[in-house]
Amino acid sequence: MKPFAFSFAMLASGSALAAEPYHVENIMLLQPDFVLQERVRVDELAHYIQAVNAAAKANLQNVTAPMPSSGFVVMAVRPGGRSKAWLDFTPPLAPATDAGLRSAVERVTPFQAKEGVVVFAIRSTLWGAPPTQQQGPFPVEWRQVLDSPGAPVEIGELVERVWPAGAGG
């Protein structure tokens, strides 16, 4: 994952001292490099991530009762220009904040994925919360579809279970 990882380390770098509504800690590519290289060009993915981050920041600036939280914005993009977001924050976001953030990032026009779904996560902090110590995202919706929570599942297969190809979004 080196070519992708280096590009996204640069994208996520830069820190702020103020309690920003949305601060990117890093980008987690949830699929092997060879899979990503088949499905998306790095520049298209980078532009999309930047647009998702801008949408998240713009949306969260309007929250009237911010509560510090940290976790992940998880995005999946399918061929045909469809995207889906899952949020995994601790403490959980207020329902209105969760719905608004999810809607904002899902409205961003995705790149054209080829040959299958592309999945990544943006580790972020909201309103000055310390970064999450979780190793990776595991949204509630994902936990609900697993037969055995400890059994390993390839991320593309998990996304197919949670977001079937014919489903909206």
C-alpha atoms as a PDB file:
ATOM      1  CA  MET A   1       0.000   0.000   0.000  1.00  0.00           C
ATOM      2  CA  LYS A   2       3.019   2.261  -0.153  1.00  0.00           C
ATOM      3  CA  PRO A   3       2.083   4.480  -3.152  1.00  0.00           C
ATOM      4  CA  PHE A   4      -1.373   5.117  -1.764  1.00  0.00           C
ATOM      5  CA  ALA A   5      -0.238   5.408   1.854  1.00  0.00           C
ATOM      6  CA  PHE A   6       2.382   8.054   1.098  1.00  0.00           C
ATOM      7  CA  SER A   7      -0.079  10.176  -0.872  1.00  0.00           C
ATOM      8  CA  PHE A   8      -2.630  10.058   1.897  1.00  0.00           C
ATOM      9  CA  ALA A   9      -0.134  10.784   4.641  1.00  0.00           C
ATOM     10  CA  MET A  10       0.550  14.033   2.822  1.00  0.00           C
ATOM     11  CA  LEU A  11      -3.170  14.705   2.419  1.00  0.00           C
ATOM     12  CA  ALA A  12      -3.912  14.211   6.119  1.00  0.00           C
ATOM     13  CA  SER A  13      -0.917  16.130   7.442  1.00  0.00           C
ATOM     14  CA  GLY A  14      -1.166  19.490   9.098  1.00  0.00           C
ATOM     15  CA  SER A  15      -2.497  20.064  12.550  1.00  0.00           C
ATOM     16  CA  ALA A  16      -4.376  22.862  14.222  1.00  0.00           C
ATOM     17  CA  LEU A  17      -4.221  24.087  17.761  1.00  0.00           C
ATOM     18  CA  ALA A  18      -7.830  25.281  18.030  1.00  0.00           C
ATOM     19  CA  ALA A  19     -10.775  22.982  18.696  1.00  0.00           C
ATOM     20  CA  GLU A  20     -11.805  22.592  15.088  1.00  0.00           C
ATOM     21  CA  PRO A  21     -15.214  21.130  14.355  1.00  0.00           C
ATOM     22  CA  TYR A  22     -13.497  18.503  12.159  1.00  0.00           C
ATOM     23  CA  HIS A  23      -9.839  17.534  12.130  1.00  0.00           C
ATOM     24  CA  VAL A  24      -8.346  14.731  10.037  1.00  0.00           C
ATOM     25  CA  GLU A  25      -5.866  12.556  11.914  1.00  0.00           C
ATOM     26  CA  ASN A  26      -5.107  10.157   9.053  1.00  0.00           C
ATOM     27  CA  ILE A  27      -6.536   8.153   6.174  1.00  0.00           C
ATOM     28  CA  MET A  28      -6.904   4.383   6.447  1.00  0.00           C
ATOM     29  CA  LEU A  29      -6.988   2.412   3.225  1.00  0.00           C
ATOM     30  CA  LEU A  30      -8.993  -0.695   4.069  1.00  0.00           C
ATOM     31  CA  GLN A  31      -8.049  -2.774   1.039  1.00  0.00           C
ATOM     32  CA  PRO A  32      -4.729  -4.065  -0.303  1.00  0.00           C
ATOM     33  CA  ASP A  33      -2.742  -1.828  -2.638  1.00  0.00           C
ATOM     34  CA  PHE A  34      -3.207  -4.175  -5.628  1.00  0.00           C
ATOM     35  CA  VAL A  35      -7.006  -3.996  -5.221  1.00  0.00           C
ATOM     36  CA  LEU A  36      -6.988  -0.211  -5.028  1.00  0.00           C
ATOM     37  CA  GLN A  37      -4.709   0.081  -8.056  1.00  0.00           C
ATOM     38  CA  GLU A  38      -7.218  -1.949 -10.095  1.00  0.00           C
ATOM     39  CA  ARG A  39     -10.208   0.080  -8.956  1.00  0.00           C
ATOM     40  CA  VAL A  40      -9.193   3.734  -8.697  1.00  0.00           C
ATOM     41  CA  ARG A  41      -6.483   6.186  -9.683  1.00  0.00           C
ATOM     42  CA  VAL A  42      -4.704   7.693  -6.687  1.00  0.00           C
ATOM     43  CA  ASP A  43      -5.345  11.290  -7.814  1.00  0.00           C
ATOM     44  CA  GLU A  44      -9.091  10.636  -8.143  1.00  0.00           C
ATOM     45  CA  LEU A  45      -9.206   9.075  -4.689  1.00  0.00           C
ATOM     46  CA  ALA A  46      -7.211  11.954  -3.202  1.00  0.00           C
ATOM     47  CA  HIS A  47      -9.548  14.566  -4.709  1.00  0.00           C
ATOM     48  CA  TYR A  48     -12.574  12.667  -3.466  1.00  0.00           C
ATOM     49  CA  ILE A  49     -11.183  12.425   0.066  1.00  0.00           C
ATOM     50  CA  GLN A  50     -10.452  16.148   0.047  1.00  0.00           C
ATOM     51  CA  ALA A  51     -14.038  16.866  -1.047  1.00  0.00           C
ATOM     52  CA  VAL A  52     -15.456  14.531   1.635  1.00  0.00           C
ATOM     53  CA  ASN A  53     -13.345  16.282   4.274  1.00  0.00           C
ATOM     54  CA  ALA A  54     -14.497  19.711   3.071  1.00  0.00           C
ATOM     55  CA  ALA A  55     -18.153  18.605   3.182  1.00  0.00           C
ATOM     56  CA  ALA A  56     -17.724  17.184   6.694  1.00  0.00           C
ATOM     57  CA  LYS A  57     -16.052  20.341   7.972  1.00  0.00           C
ATOM     58  CA  ALA A  58     -18.680  22.620   6.403  1.00  0.00           C
ATOM     59  CA  ASN A  59     -21.509  20.536   7.855  1.00  0.00           C
ATOM     60  CA  LEU A  60     -20.081  20.381  11.369  1.00  0.00           C
ATOM     61  CA  GLN A  61     -19.422  24.126  11.537  1.00  0.00           C
ATOM     62  CA  ASN A  62     -23.193  24.595  11.742  1.00  0.00           C
ATOM     63  CA  VAL A  63     -23.784  22.268  14.712  1.00  0.00           C
ATOM     64  CA  THR A  64     -25.329  24.279  17.550  1.00  0.00           C
ATOM     65  CA  ALA A  65     -24.453  21.934  20.446  1.00  0.00           C
ATOM     66  CA  PRO A  66     -21.062  20.423  19.585  1.00  0.00           C
ATOM     67  CA  MET A  67     -19.833  17.498  21.651  1.00  0.00           C
ATOM     68  CA  PRO A  68     -16.184  16.391  21.359  1.00  0.00           C
ATOM     69  CA  SER A  69     -15.887  12.953  19.793  1.00  0.00           C
ATOM     70  CA  SER A  70     -13.377  10.952  17.812  1.00  0.00           C
ATOM     71  CA  GLY A  71     -13.522   8.065  15.413  1.00  0.00           C
ATOM     72  CA  PHE A  72     -14.011   7.356  11.745  1.00  0.00           C
ATOM     73  CA  VAL A  73     -15.899   8.472   8.679  1.00  0.00           C
ATOM     74  CA  VAL A  74     -15.956   5.313   6.557  1.00  0.00           C
ATOM     75  CA  MET A  75     -16.671   5.644   2.843  1.00  0.00           C
ATOM     76  CA  ALA A  76     -17.396   3.065   0.167  1.00  0.00           C
ATOM     77  CA  VAL A  77     -17.610   3.858  -3.542  1.00  0.00           C
ATOM     78  CA  ARG A  78     -19.042   1.487  -6.163  1.00  0.00           C
ATOM     79  CA  PRO A  79     -18.838   1.437  -9.912  1.00  0.00           C
ATOM     80  CA  GLY A  80     -21.642   3.570 -11.291  1.00  0.00           C
ATOM     81  CA  GLY A  81     -20.835   6.550  -9.066  1.00  0.00           C
ATOM     82  CA  ARG A  82     -22.589   5.427  -5.897  1.00  0.00           C
ATOM     83  CA  SER A  83     -21.256   6.019  -2.416  1.00  0.00           C
ATOM     84  CA  LYS A  84     -22.199   5.109   1.143  1.00  0.00           C
ATOM     85  CA  ALA A  85     -20.954   6.420   4.479  1.00  0.00           C
ATOM     86  CA  TRP A  86     -20.810   4.881   7.942  1.00  0.00           C
ATOM     87  CA  LEU A  87     -19.823   6.761  11.080  1.00  0.00           C
ATOM     88  CA  ASP A  88     -18.020   5.202  14.034  1.00  0.00           C
ATOM     89  CA  PHE A  89     -17.491   7.833  16.755  1.00  0.00           C
ATOM     90  CA  THR A  90     -16.981   7.646  20.514  1.00  0.00           C
ATOM     91  CA  PRO A  91     -18.941   8.986  22.171  1.00  0.00           C
ATOM     92  CA  PRO A  92     -21.644   8.482  19.560  1.00  0.00           C
ATOM     93  CA  LEU A  93     -22.793  11.614  17.774  1.00  0.00           C
ATOM     94  CA  ALA A  94     -26.184  13.109  18.553  1.00  0.00           C
ATOM     95  CA  PRO A  95     -28.758  11.713  16.083  1.00  0.00           C
ATOM     96  CA  ALA A  96     -29.150  15.022  14.224  1.00  0.00           C
ATOM     97  CA  THR A  97     -25.369  15.508  14.005  1.00  0.00           C
ATOM     98  CA  ASP A  98     -24.899  11.907  12.803  1.00  0.00           C
ATOM     99  CA  ALA A  99     -27.601  12.234  10.142  1.00  0.00           C
ATOM    100  CA  GLY A 100     -26.329  15.613   8.952  1.00  0.00           C
ATOM    101  CA  LEU A 101     -22.708  14.501   8.693  1.00  0.00           C
ATOM    102  CA  ARG A 102     -23.605  11.244   6.936  1.00  0.00           C
ATOM    103  CA  SER A 103     -25.825  13.094   4.457  1.00  0.00           C
ATOM    104  CA  ALA A 104     -23.178  15.761   3.781  1.00  0.00           C
ATOM    105  CA  VAL A 105     -20.423  13.287   2.911  1.00  0.00           C
ATOM    106  CA  GLU A 106     -22.751  11.055   0.862  1.00  0.00           C
ATOM    107  CA  ARG A 107     -23.710  14.057  -1.304  1.00  0.00           C
ATOM    108  CA  VAL A 108     -20.106  14.441  -2.507  1.00  0.00           C
ATOM    109  CA  THR A 109     -19.851  13.226  -6.093  1.00  0.00           C
ATOM    110  CA  PRO A 110     -17.649  10.111  -6.031  1.00  0.00           C
ATOM    111  CA  PHE A 111     -14.999   9.007  -8.487  1.00  0.00           C
ATOM    112  CA  GLN A 112     -15.771   6.208 -10.945  1.00  0.00           C
ATOM    113  CA  ALA A 113     -14.657   2.990  -9.251  1.00  0.00           C
ATOM    114  CA  LYS A 114     -13.764   0.104 -11.566  1.00  0.00           C
ATOM    115  CA  GLU A 115     -14.064  -3.638 -10.975  1.00  0.00           C
ATOM    116  CA  GLY A 116     -15.597  -3.367  -7.501  1.00  0.00           C
ATOM    117  CA  VAL A 117     -16.064  -1.367  -4.353  1.00  0.00           C
ATOM    118  CA  VAL A 118     -13.359   0.916  -2.873  1.00  0.00           C
ATOM    119  CA  VAL A 119     -13.430   1.324   0.922  1.00  0.00           C
ATOM    120  CA  PHE A 120     -11.455   3.704   3.132  1.00  0.00           C
ATOM    121  CA  ALA A 121     -11.779   5.422   6.499  1.00  0.00           C
ATOM    122  CA  ILE A 122     -10.915   8.898   7.675  1.00  0.00           C
ATOM    123  CA  ARG A 123      -9.772   8.902  11.310  1.00  0.00           C
ATOM    124  CA  SER A 124     -10.903  12.241  12.675  1.00  0.00           C
ATOM    125  CA  THR A 125     -11.553  14.233  15.787  1.00  0.00           C
ATOM    126  CA  LEU A 126     -14.491  16.555  16.353  1.00  0.00           C
ATOM    127  CA  TRP A 127     -14.372  19.711  18.459  1.00  0.00           C
ATOM    128  CA  GLY A 128     -10.998  19.023  20.061  1.00  0.00           C
ATOM    129  CA  ALA A 129     -11.507  15.429  21.232  1.00  0.00           C
ATOM    130  CA  PRO A 130      -8.358  13.343  21.620  1.00  0.00           C
ATOM    131  CA  PRO A 131      -7.783  10.886  18.742  1.00  0.00           C
ATOM    132  CA  THR A 132      -9.443   7.504  19.012  1.00  0.00           C
ATOM    133  CA  GLN A 133      -7.326   4.584  20.171  1.00  0.00           C
ATOM    134  CA  GLN A 134      -9.320   2.125  18.019  1.00  0.00           C
ATOM    135  CA  GLN A 135      -7.153   0.290  15.504  1.00  0.00           C
ATOM    136  CA  GLY A 136      -9.774   0.678  12.795  1.00  0.00           C
ATOM    137  CA  PRO A 137     -13.434   1.380  12.182  1.00  0.00           C
ATOM    138  CA  PHE A 138     -16.203  -1.026  13.133  1.00  0.00           C
ATOM    139  CA  PRO A 139     -19.533   0.808  12.763  1.00  0.00           C
ATOM    140  CA  VAL A 140     -22.660  -0.578  14.428  1.00  0.00           C
ATOM    141  CA  GLU A 141     -24.149  -1.445  11.013  1.00  0.00           C
ATOM    142  CA  TRP A 142     -21.154  -3.678  10.278  1.00  0.00           C
ATOM    143  CA  ARG A 143     -21.357  -5.492  13.612  1.00  0.00           C
ATOM    144  CA  GLN A 144     -25.032  -6.237  13.011  1.00  0.00           C
ATOM    145  CA  VAL A 145     -24.404  -8.291   9.852  1.00  0.00           C
ATOM    146  CA  LEU A 146     -21.546 -10.481  11.033  1.00  0.00           C
ATOM    147  CA  ASP A 147     -22.361 -14.102  11.780  1.00  0.00           C
ATOM    148  CA  SER A 148     -19.461 -14.417  14.201  1.00  0.00           C
ATOM    149  CA  PRO A 149     -17.961 -11.148  15.502  1.00  0.00           C
ATOM    150  CA  GLY A 150     -14.461 -12.653  15.861  1.00  0.00           C
ATOM    151  CA  ALA A 151     -14.301 -14.278  12.421  1.00  0.00           C
ATOM    152  CA  PRO A 152     -12.234 -12.374   9.834  1.00  0.00           C
ATOM    153  CA  VAL A 153     -14.156 -10.999   6.853  1.00  0.00           C
ATOM    154  CA  GLU A 154     -12.681  -9.292   3.806  1.00  0.00           C
ATOM    155  CA  ILE A 155     -13.791  -5.639   3.781  1.00  0.00           C
ATOM    156  CA  GLY A 156     -15.362  -5.826   0.305  1.00  0.00           C
ATOM    157  CA  GLU A 157     -17.476  -8.795   1.379  1.00  0.00           C
ATOM    158  CA  LEU A 158     -18.526  -6.998   4.564  1.00  0.00           C
ATOM    159  CA  VAL A 159     -19.578  -3.917   2.593  1.00  0.00           C
ATOM    160  CA  GLU A 160     -21.598  -6.145   0.241  1.00  0.00           C
ATOM    161  CA  ARG A 161     -23.455  -7.589   3.243  1.00  0.00           C
ATOM    162  CA  VAL A 162     -24.203  -4.167   4.716  1.00  0.00           C
ATOM    163  CA  TRP A 163     -24.812  -2.382   1.425  1.00  0.00           C
ATOM    164  CA  PRO A 164     -26.003  -4.904  -1.202  1.00  0.00           C
ATOM    165  CA  ALA A 165     -25.341  -3.954  -4.822  1.00  0.00           C
ATOM    166  CA  GLY A 166     -29.029  -3.309  -5.571  1.00  0.00           C
ATOM    167  CA  ALA A 167     -29.566  -1.164  -2.466  1.00  0.00           C
ATOM    168  CA  GLY A 168     -29.906   2.593  -2.630  1.00  0.00           C
ATOM    169  CA  GLY A 169     -27.218   5.030  -1.667  1.00  0.00           C
END
